[in-house]
């Protein structure tokens, strides 16, 4: 049982699956889900021993956005859940500042485990529908390309080789560390010496993300990519 916005609901299949003998009889493989703290006090990373999403990330900021992800859709029914981020083998949940993790973390963990063991599909159709896009969210095909920003179309000049190098460094050196903290970093653009990136998951709104961006990522790219002067986090 759990409380969900004033209602009492049953965790899907959790009570059934607690009986290990029944799991064995039905040849259902148990799934392990554990919680990890992140540098962001309002985010927790729930790690599963199964792959949830390969080759990309999705982030939902509301129940309306999560229409193609039944797990995220139901997680928003819990009081205090503000954002759901999914990639690889983990789910990062951002909560409201006035909610204590002590009150909801175990419930969320069991709910996620129960959902995964139920066999219900994690996504309906493409995970990247409704503007949720893969990890390397920009394919570089030509020197002159169009970027839509605030409903205005802007033509930008950029060096595809430099952008490719930046993406490779972010993928090799930065992404594993960021994912370890329950977040993700997406390359958006490079222009006039400025690298624009999008931070998601636990990195979004994290007090320490600015320090990490400037002291870590910016210094790394300055050292390894000629022409990079600054790294800036922009809205996703």
Protein backbone atom coordinates (compact mmCIF):
# COMPACT_ATOMS: atom_id res chain seq x y z
CA UNK A 1 0.00 0.00 0.00
CA UNK A 2 1.09 3.60 -0.48
CA UNK A 3 -0.35 7.07 -0.19
CA UNK A 4 -0.81 8.87 -3.47
CA UNK A 5 -2.25 12.37 -3.37
CA UNK A 6 -4.73 11.48 -0.64
CA UNK A 7 -5.59 8.07 -2.04
CA UNK A 8 -4.53 4.62 -0.92
CA UNK A 9 -3.33 2.40 -3.74
CA UNK A 10 -1.70 -0.97 -3.95
CA UNK A 11 1.81 -1.26 -5.34
CA UNK A 12 1.49 -3.12 -8.66
CA UNK A 13 2.38 -6.77 -8.14
CA UNK A 14 4.77 -5.97 -5.28
CA UNK A 15 2.99 -8.05 -2.65
CA UNK A 16 2.71 -10.92 -5.10
CA UNK A 17 6.40 -10.84 -5.97
CA UNK A 18 7.55 -10.68 -2.36
CA UNK A 19 6.89 -14.40 -2.18
CA UNK A 20 10.07 -15.88 -3.63
CA UNK A 21 8.47 -19.29 -4.01
CA UNK A 22 5.81 -17.85 -6.29
CA UNK A 23 8.47 -16.09 -8.33
CA UNK A 24 10.30 -19.39 -8.83
CA UNK A 25 7.12 -21.27 -9.74
CA UNK A 26 6.21 -18.68 -12.37
CA UNK A 27 9.81 -18.52 -13.68
CA UNK A 28 9.91 -14.77 -13.19
CA UNK A 29 13.36 -13.29 -12.74
CA UNK A 30 13.53 -10.98 -9.71
CA UNK A 31 14.63 -7.42 -10.44
CA UNK A 32 16.78 -5.48 -8.03
CA UNK A 33 16.33 -1.73 -7.66
CA UNK A 34 18.39 0.33 -5.24
CA UNK A 35 18.57 4.04 -4.45
CA UNK A 36 21.66 6.25 -4.67
CA UNK A 37 22.03 9.79 -3.40
CA UNK A 38 23.19 12.40 -5.90
CA UNK A 39 24.96 15.75 -5.45
CA UNK A 40 21.55 17.37 -5.88
CA UNK A 41 19.68 17.15 -2.53
CA UNK A 42 16.36 17.14 -4.36
CA UNK A 43 17.24 14.20 -6.65
CA UNK A 44 17.66 10.48 -6.08
CA UNK A 45 18.89 7.92 -8.59
CA UNK A 46 17.09 4.55 -8.65
CA UNK A 47 19.32 1.94 -10.27
CA UNK A 48 17.94 -1.32 -11.72
CA UNK A 49 19.84 -4.46 -12.69
CA UNK A 50 18.16 -4.39 -16.12
CA UNK A 51 18.55 -2.00 -19.05
CA UNK A 52 15.76 0.57 -19.30
CA UNK A 53 16.81 2.73 -22.22
CA UNK A 54 19.76 2.34 -24.57
CA UNK A 55 21.33 5.08 -26.64
CA UNK A 56 19.50 8.09 -25.29
CA UNK A 57 17.78 9.90 -22.45
CA UNK A 58 14.26 11.09 -21.73
CA UNK A 59 13.16 13.65 -19.19
CA UNK A 60 9.60 14.49 -18.17
CA UNK A 61 8.72 17.69 -16.33
CA UNK A 62 5.01 16.96 -15.92
CA UNK A 63 2.43 14.21 -16.14
CA UNK A 64 1.25 15.63 -19.46
CA UNK A 65 4.72 15.17 -20.97
CA UNK A 66 4.89 11.55 -19.78
CA UNK A 67 1.98 10.29 -21.85
CA UNK A 68 4.23 7.82 -23.74
CA UNK A 69 5.88 6.45 -20.56
CA UNK A 70 3.51 4.62 -18.18
CA UNK A 71 6.15 4.42 -15.43
CA UNK A 72 6.83 8.15 -15.41
CA UNK A 73 3.13 8.88 -15.78
CA UNK A 74 2.36 6.95 -12.59
CA UNK A 75 5.35 8.35 -10.70
CA UNK A 76 3.87 11.82 -11.07
CA UNK A 77 0.91 10.59 -8.99
CA UNK A 78 3.17 10.61 -5.94
CA UNK A 79 3.07 13.81 -3.95
CA UNK A 80 6.24 15.84 -4.40
CA UNK A 81 7.53 14.26 -7.64
CA UNK A 82 8.53 17.15 -9.92
CA UNK A 83 10.62 15.53 -12.65
CA UNK A 84 11.42 12.02 -13.97
CA UNK A 85 14.58 11.27 -15.94
CA UNK A 86 15.35 7.88 -17.54
CA UNK A 87 18.47 6.57 -19.24
CA UNK A 88 20.58 3.42 -19.33
CA UNK A 89 19.62 1.36 -16.26
CA UNK A 90 18.39 4.06 -13.91
CA UNK A 91 15.59 6.49 -13.14
CA UNK A 92 16.35 9.83 -11.49
CA UNK A 93 13.50 11.53 -9.67
CA UNK A 94 13.49 15.19 -8.65
CA UNK A 95 11.25 16.11 -5.74
CA UNK A 96 9.79 19.28 -4.30
CA UNK A 97 12.05 20.96 -1.74
CA UNK A 98 9.48 20.61 1.07
CA UNK A 99 9.29 16.80 0.77
CA UNK A 100 11.70 14.60 2.75
CA UNK A 101 13.31 11.66 0.93
CA UNK A 102 12.94 9.65 4.13
CA UNK A 103 9.18 9.68 3.61
CA UNK A 104 9.04 8.60 -0.04
CA UNK A 105 12.31 7.01 -1.26
CA UNK A 106 11.52 3.44 -0.21
CA UNK A 107 8.00 3.69 -1.59
CA UNK A 108 9.27 4.98 -4.93
CA UNK A 109 11.93 2.25 -5.09
CA UNK A 110 9.37 -0.49 -4.50
CA UNK A 111 6.98 1.05 -6.99
CA UNK A 112 9.64 1.14 -9.71
CA UNK A 113 10.66 -2.44 -8.95
CA UNK A 114 7.05 -3.59 -9.04
CA UNK A 115 6.43 -1.86 -12.36
CA UNK A 116 9.51 -3.40 -13.97
CA UNK A 117 8.58 -6.88 -12.73
CA UNK A 118 5.01 -6.53 -13.94
CA UNK A 119 6.15 -6.85 -17.54
CA UNK A 120 4.36 -3.67 -18.60
CA UNK A 121 6.12 -1.78 -21.38
CA UNK A 122 8.21 1.14 -20.21
CA UNK A 123 7.39 3.18 -23.30
CA UNK A 124 4.48 3.35 -25.70
CA UNK A 125 5.95 3.86 -29.13
CA UNK A 126 9.21 5.75 -29.46
CA UNK A 127 10.78 6.89 -26.17
CA UNK A 128 11.88 10.03 -27.95
CA UNK A 129 8.43 11.20 -28.99
CA UNK A 130 7.24 14.65 -27.91
CA UNK A 131 10.65 16.25 -28.40
CA UNK A 132 12.54 13.81 -26.16
CA UNK A 133 15.70 13.14 -28.11
CA UNK A 134 18.73 10.84 -28.03
CA UNK A 135 21.87 11.50 -25.99
CA UNK A 136 23.85 12.96 -28.86
CA UNK A 137 20.97 15.25 -29.68
CA UNK A 138 22.45 17.04 -32.64
CA UNK A 139 23.76 15.40 -35.80
CA UNK A 140 26.29 17.49 -37.65
CA UNK A 141 25.73 17.13 -41.38
CA UNK A 142 26.94 20.40 -42.85
CA UNK A 143 28.76 23.60 -41.97
CA UNK A 144 25.68 25.81 -42.32
CA UNK A 145 22.79 24.52 -40.27
CA UNK A 146 19.58 25.84 -38.78
CA UNK A 147 18.81 25.98 -35.06
CA UNK A 148 15.34 26.88 -33.81
CA UNK A 149 15.44 28.97 -30.66
CA UNK A 150 12.49 30.76 -29.09
CA UNK A 151 10.50 30.23 -32.30
CA UNK A 152 13.03 32.16 -34.35
CA UNK A 153 15.16 30.52 -37.04
CA UNK A 154 18.82 31.52 -36.82
CA UNK A 155 21.51 30.58 -39.32
CA UNK A 156 24.79 29.82 -37.56
CA UNK A 157 28.29 29.24 -38.81
CA UNK A 158 30.18 26.45 -37.08
CA UNK A 159 33.00 24.00 -37.60
CA UNK A 160 31.64 20.43 -37.80
CA UNK A 161 35.05 18.95 -36.99
CA UNK A 162 35.30 21.01 -33.80
CA UNK A 163 31.75 20.08 -32.82
CA UNK A 164 32.51 16.43 -33.45
CA UNK A 165 35.58 16.65 -31.21
CA UNK A 166 33.57 18.34 -28.44
CA UNK A 167 30.89 15.64 -28.60
CA UNK A 168 33.52 12.87 -28.49
CA UNK A 169 35.10 14.39 -25.36
CA UNK A 170 31.75 14.83 -23.66
CA UNK A 171 30.86 11.22 -24.46
CA UNK A 172 34.18 9.73 -23.36
CA UNK A 173 35.16 11.81 -20.35
CA UNK A 174 32.10 13.64 -19.06
CA UNK A 175 29.00 11.50 -19.68
CA UNK A 176 30.04 8.52 -17.50
CA UNK A 177 30.72 10.77 -14.50
CA UNK A 178 27.49 12.72 -14.98
CA UNK A 179 25.43 9.53 -15.35
CA UNK A 180 27.09 8.24 -12.19
CA UNK A 181 25.47 11.17 -10.40
CA UNK A 182 22.07 10.44 -11.93
CA UNK A 183 22.14 13.06 -14.67
CA UNK A 184 23.02 13.69 -18.29
CA UNK A 185 24.77 16.30 -20.37
CA UNK A 186 23.75 17.05 -23.96
CA UNK A 187 25.73 19.03 -26.49
CA UNK A 188 23.58 21.71 -28.09
CA UNK A 189 25.81 24.06 -30.08
CA UNK A 190 29.22 25.66 -30.50
CA UNK A 191 29.50 29.24 -31.70
CA UNK A 192 31.97 32.09 -31.18
CA UNK A 193 34.05 30.01 -28.78
CA UNK A 194 31.08 29.16 -26.56
CA UNK A 195 29.91 25.58 -26.04
CA UNK A 196 26.23 25.36 -25.09
CA UNK A 197 25.15 22.24 -23.22
CA UNK A 198 21.93 21.05 -21.62
CA UNK A 199 22.03 19.47 -18.15
CA UNK A 200 19.29 17.00 -17.25
CA UNK A 201 18.30 14.63 -14.46
CA UNK A 202 19.93 15.33 -11.11
CA UNK A 203 22.21 17.93 -12.73
CA UNK A 204 19.25 20.17 -13.51
CA UNK A 205 18.97 22.68 -10.69
CA UNK A 206 21.80 21.10 -8.70
CA UNK A 207 23.68 23.68 -6.58
CA UNK A 208 27.04 22.13 -7.44
CA UNK A 209 26.44 21.84 -11.20
CA UNK A 210 27.82 25.34 -11.89
CA UNK A 211 31.08 24.49 -10.15
CA UNK A 212 31.32 21.21 -12.06
CA UNK A 213 30.57 22.96 -15.34
CA UNK A 214 33.20 25.65 -14.92
CA UNK A 215 35.94 23.93 -12.92
CA UNK A 216 35.65 20.57 -14.63
CA UNK A 217 33.99 20.50 -18.04
CA UNK A 218 35.03 23.96 -19.21
CA UNK A 219 38.67 23.46 -18.24
CA UNK A 220 38.72 20.05 -19.93
CA UNK A 221 37.34 21.36 -23.22
CA UNK A 222 39.61 24.43 -23.17
CA UNK A 223 42.62 22.18 -22.78
CA UNK A 224 41.61 19.61 -25.40
CA UNK A 225 39.79 21.65 -28.06
CA UNK A 226 41.43 24.77 -29.51
CA UNK A 227 38.95 27.61 -29.87
CA UNK A 228 36.78 26.76 -26.86
CA UNK A 229 36.60 29.73 -24.49
CA UNK A 230 33.57 28.99 -22.36
CA UNK A 231 30.96 26.34 -21.55
CA UNK A 232 27.43 27.49 -20.76
CA UNK A 233 24.40 25.51 -19.55
CA UNK A 234 21.21 26.44 -21.38
CA UNK A 235 17.62 25.41 -20.86
CA UNK A 236 16.61 21.96 -22.20
